[in-house]
Amino acid sequence: MTNKVKRTKKYQLHGSYFKCNRMLNLPDTILEIAEYEKANGELPFAYSGSNWMYDAFCERQKYRGVYRSQFLTPDDTAYRMIQLAKTYFQDRYVLTPCCGTGQISKELHKAGYAVNPFCRCLIVSIMRYSIEIQQITKTISRNLLILTHKKC
C-alpha cells in the first residue's frame, strides 16, 4: 500500500474529493481507496450511499477521463438485466458478461448464479477454434472450387 495519510477533514466524494486528493496525498485509485478503507476502517471521503466503489469510479472518470471505452453499469440496470436473465434463461452458470467493475457479476451472484470469469485461457481457446473453422472453411471452399471447375 502506498503511504496515504489519514485525514480528519473529509471531502465529499461527489464534487470535491477527486479535485483535491492528489494535492493532499489522499488515495487516488479504487485499489488505493479500498486499501485505505481496510487499514483505517473508513473511507477517505464523506459518503452516505450504498455502493461507494461504483460511485467512486463514476466520479473519478469525471476528473481523470475515460480510458479504453470504460462504461459503468448502474445498480438498477444490472438488477434489471438479472431479472430478465431469470425470466429467459434456465441455466444458472454464466461467464462474466463484461470486463468492468463487477456490477453485473455482483447481481448475478446475489441471484444465485455461479459466475465464472471470462479468462484469457477461454479467449485463447475461442481464438484457436476460430482459426480451425477458418482453415476448414478455406479447405471446403477450395474443394468446391475444384469440383465446380471440373464440372465446366
Foldseek 3Di string as FASTA:
>chain_A
DDDADQDPDAAALPPPCQVCCVVRRHDQDLVSQVVCCVVPVDGRHDDDDDCVSQSNVVSSCVVVNDPPPADDDDLVRLLVVVVVCVVPPDAQEDEPPDPHDCSNVVNSVVVPGHYHYPDPVVVVVVVVVVVVVVVVVVVVVVVVVVVVVVVD
